[in-house]
């Protein structure tokens, strides 16, 4: 709804679709959903812009753990950004 308030023409078109499909004399029913294409597109766009689940999940272990005799841990791992910084520093200093 907040995205629609920033774009009044989108809100106006959504209200027009509601009025033409549902009308002003009754509430939206589940059977109306398949005909509310513009509003469904607005909802999809709002979820695309503001997702409910975070995208940036950890790509390495955040706690020490083991699998059989193999030990994994947060201190033993090196994520990709840190490795790329080491490579950049090594090449900038002449490889020494």
Protein backbone atom coordinates (compact mmCIF):
# COMPACT_ATOMS: atom_id res chain seq x y z
CA UNK A 1 0.00 0.00 0.00
CA UNK A 2 2.88 2.36 0.77
CA UNK A 3 4.28 1.86 -2.73
CA UNK A 4 0.87 2.71 -4.19
CA UNK A 5 0.68 5.90 -2.12
CA UNK A 6 3.93 7.03 -3.74
CA UNK A 7 2.43 6.42 -7.20
CA UNK A 8 -1.15 7.77 -7.27
CA UNK A 9 -1.78 6.65 -10.87
CA UNK A 10 -1.12 3.02 -9.86
CA UNK A 11 -3.49 3.35 -6.88
CA UNK A 12 -6.16 4.91 -9.11
CA UNK A 13 -5.89 2.07 -11.64
CA UNK A 14 -6.11 -0.54 -8.85
CA UNK A 15 -9.22 1.12 -7.39
CA UNK A 16 -10.79 1.26 -10.86
CA UNK A 17 -10.13 -2.46 -11.31
CA UNK A 18 -11.69 -3.21 -7.92
CA UNK A 19 -14.76 -1.13 -8.77
CA UNK A 20 -15.21 -2.78 -12.17
CA UNK A 21 -14.67 -6.37 -10.99
CA UNK A 22 -16.13 -6.33 -7.47
CA UNK A 23 -18.21 -3.17 -7.35
CA UNK A 24 -18.82 -0.88 -4.39
CA UNK A 25 -21.74 -2.76 -2.86
CA UNK A 26 -19.85 -5.85 -1.62
CA UNK A 27 -16.47 -7.01 -0.29
CA UNK A 28 -13.86 -8.90 -2.29
CA UNK A 29 -14.50 -12.65 -2.37
CA UNK A 30 -11.96 -15.38 -3.05
CA UNK A 31 -13.74 -16.10 -6.32
CA UNK A 32 -12.82 -12.57 -7.50
CA UNK A 33 -9.05 -13.11 -7.28
CA UNK A 34 -8.62 -14.68 -10.72
CA UNK A 35 -10.06 -11.53 -12.33
CA UNK A 36 -7.97 -8.99 -10.34
CA UNK A 37 -4.88 -9.24 -12.53
CA UNK A 38 -3.59 -5.68 -12.03
CA UNK A 39 -3.83 -5.93 -8.24
CA UNK A 40 -2.07 -9.32 -8.30
CA UNK A 41 0.73 -7.73 -10.36
CA UNK A 42 0.98 -4.86 -7.84
CA UNK A 43 1.27 -7.33 -4.97
CA UNK A 44 3.98 -9.30 -6.79
CA UNK A 45 5.92 -6.11 -7.47
CA UNK A 46 5.64 -5.04 -3.81
CA UNK A 47 7.01 -8.42 -2.68
CA UNK A 48 9.80 -8.12 -5.25
CA UNK A 49 10.80 -4.69 -3.93
CA UNK A 50 10.33 -5.60 -0.26
CA UNK A 51 10.83 -9.37 0.20
CA UNK A 52 9.57 -11.03 3.37
CA UNK A 53 12.58 -13.33 3.71
CA UNK A 54 16.15 -12.05 3.75
CA UNK A 55 18.30 -12.80 0.71
CA UNK A 56 21.65 -12.57 2.46
CA UNK A 57 21.85 -15.85 4.33
CA UNK A 58 25.31 -16.82 5.63
CA UNK A 59 27.50 -18.63 3.09
CA UNK A 60 29.76 -20.10 5.75
CA UNK A 61 29.38 -21.69 9.15
CA UNK A 62 28.50 -19.30 11.95
CA UNK A 63 29.22 -21.83 14.71
CA UNK A 64 31.70 -24.67 15.29
CA UNK A 65 30.44 -28.08 14.16
CA UNK A 66 31.73 -31.44 13.00
CA UNK A 67 30.81 -34.22 10.62
CA UNK A 68 32.41 -37.46 11.71
CA UNK A 69 36.11 -36.69 12.17
CA UNK A 70 36.00 -33.55 10.03
CA UNK A 71 35.75 -30.33 12.05
CA UNK A 72 34.13 -27.22 10.60
CA UNK A 73 34.03 -23.90 12.33
CA UNK A 74 33.54 -20.21 11.99
CA UNK A 75 37.19 -19.51 12.85
CA UNK A 76 38.56 -22.07 10.36
CA UNK A 77 36.59 -20.78 7.38
CA UNK A 78 37.38 -17.92 5.06
CA UNK A 79 34.60 -16.37 3.07
CA UNK A 80 34.98 -15.30 -0.54
CA UNK A 81 35.22 -11.55 0.14
CA UNK A 82 38.15 -11.98 2.52
CA UNK A 83 40.04 -14.20 0.07
CA UNK A 84 39.55 -11.70 -2.73
CA UNK A 85 40.88 -8.90 -0.48
CA UNK A 86 44.01 -10.94 0.24
CA UNK A 87 44.55 -11.48 -3.48
CA UNK A 88 44.07 -7.77 -4.17
CA UNK A 89 46.52 -6.84 -1.40
CA UNK A 90 49.10 -9.36 -2.62
CA UNK A 91 49.00 -8.08 -6.19
CA UNK A 92 49.05 -4.43 -5.09
CA UNK A 93 52.18 -4.95 -2.99
CA UNK A 94 54.08 -6.59 -5.83
CA UNK A 95 53.30 -10.16 -4.77
CA UNK A 96 55.47 -10.06 -1.65
